[in-house]
Amino acid sequence: MNFIAFLILGLIAGAIAKMILPGKQGGGWIVTLLLGVVGAFLGGWLGNMIFGVGVDEFWSISSWLLAIGGAIIVLLIWGLIFGRKNKTA
């Protein structure tokens, strides 16, 4: 898969992951989409390491599932680090 297609896959995976994980993860939609691209990289790497399947083709269901799964993982980690802070005054 070329780089532009991978970016598009990551952006869409980030949007889908945000719909699956609504709430306050911190950051807006742009941060979420960028995290989706990072998640697509993570999902492709994990899929290759664990299952021997990577993010190879744009229209492959395994590519989409790995990218969305990676985006969910990255959004969860982002939410734990930069989520809603407890403000005590």
Protein backbone atom coordinates (compact mmCIF):
# COMPACT_ATOMS: atom_id res chain seq x y z
CA MET A 1 0.00 0.00 0.00
CA ASN A 2 1.37 3.41 -0.85
CA PHE A 3 1.85 6.16 1.73
CA ILE A 4 -1.18 8.26 0.70
CA ALA A 5 -3.51 5.26 0.91
CA PHE A 6 -2.04 4.39 4.30
CA LEU A 7 -2.68 7.94 5.56
CA ILE A 8 -6.26 7.81 4.33
CA LEU A 9 -6.75 4.43 6.00
CA GLY A 10 -5.34 5.83 9.25
CA LEU A 11 -7.53 8.94 9.13
CA ILE A 12 -10.67 6.90 8.56
CA ALA A 13 -9.63 4.37 11.22
CA GLY A 14 -9.15 7.24 13.70
CA ALA A 15 -12.63 8.57 12.97
CA ILE A 16 -14.17 5.11 13.40
CA ALA A 17 -12.22 4.55 16.62
CA LYS A 18 -13.51 7.89 17.95
CA MET A 19 -17.08 6.77 17.20
CA ILE A 20 -16.45 3.49 19.02
CA LEU A 21 -14.79 5.24 21.99
CA PRO A 22 -16.79 8.41 22.61
CA GLY A 23 -15.80 10.56 25.52
CA LYS A 24 -13.14 12.95 26.65
CA GLN A 25 -9.77 11.67 25.50
CA GLY A 26 -8.37 15.17 25.28
CA GLY A 27 -7.64 16.92 22.02
CA GLY A 28 -10.07 17.47 19.21
CA TRP A 29 -10.88 15.72 15.97
CA ILE A 30 -7.58 16.64 14.34
CA VAL A 31 -5.62 15.04 17.17
CA THR A 32 -7.91 12.01 16.95
CA LEU A 33 -7.29 11.65 13.22
CA LEU A 34 -3.54 11.94 13.70
CA LEU A 35 -3.72 9.34 16.45
CA GLY A 36 -5.62 7.17 13.98
CA VAL A 37 -2.65 7.29 11.62
CA VAL A 38 -0.33 6.34 14.50
CA GLY A 39 -2.80 3.60 15.43
CA ALA A 40 -2.78 2.26 11.89
CA PHE A 41 1.00 1.97 12.10
CA LEU A 42 0.71 0.29 15.50
CA GLY A 43 -2.04 -2.06 14.32
CA GLY A 44 -0.03 -3.04 11.25
CA TRP A 45 3.05 -3.68 13.34
CA LEU A 46 1.19 -5.70 15.99
CA GLY A 47 -0.70 -7.65 13.34
CA ASN A 48 2.55 -8.52 11.62
CA MET A 49 4.25 -9.53 14.89
CA ILE A 50 1.36 -11.56 16.36
CA PHE A 51 -0.61 -12.91 13.40
CA GLY A 52 1.83 -12.54 10.51
CA VAL A 53 -0.68 -10.27 8.76
CA GLY A 54 0.09 -6.63 8.03
CA VAL A 55 -1.69 -3.65 6.59
CA ASP A 56 -0.97 -4.55 2.97
CA GLU A 57 -4.03 -3.67 0.88
CA PHE A 58 -6.46 -0.81 1.25
CA TRP A 59 -9.60 -2.88 0.63
CA SER A 60 -8.57 -5.82 2.81
CA ILE A 61 -10.78 -6.43 5.86
CA SER A 62 -7.72 -7.43 7.90
CA SER A 63 -6.07 -4.08 7.10
CA TRP A 64 -9.14 -2.20 8.30
CA LEU A 65 -9.53 -4.27 11.47
CA LEU A 66 -5.84 -3.90 12.36
CA ALA A 67 -5.91 -0.14 11.71
CA ILE A 68 -9.08 0.40 13.74
CA GLY A 69 -7.81 -1.84 16.56
CA GLY A 70 -4.52 0.04 16.66
CA ALA A 71 -6.34 3.38 16.67
CA ILE A 72 -8.50 2.24 19.59
CA ILE A 73 -5.38 1.22 21.53
CA VAL A 74 -3.70 4.56 20.85
CA LEU A 75 -6.85 6.50 21.80
CA LEU A 76 -7.12 4.55 25.06
CA ILE A 77 -3.50 5.28 25.91
CA TRP A 78 -3.95 8.95 24.92
CA GLY A 79 -7.05 9.15 27.14
CA LEU A 80 -5.18 7.70 30.10
CA ILE A 81 -2.33 10.18 29.71
CA PHE A 82 -4.11 13.36 28.60
CA GLY A 83 -7.72 12.67 29.58
CA ARG A 84 -9.89 14.72 31.84
CA LYS A 85 -7.84 15.93 34.80
CA ASN A 86 -9.30 16.04 38.28
CA LYS A 87 -9.29 19.73 39.22
CA THR A 88 -9.08 20.35 42.93
CA ALA A 89 -8.69 23.93 44.08
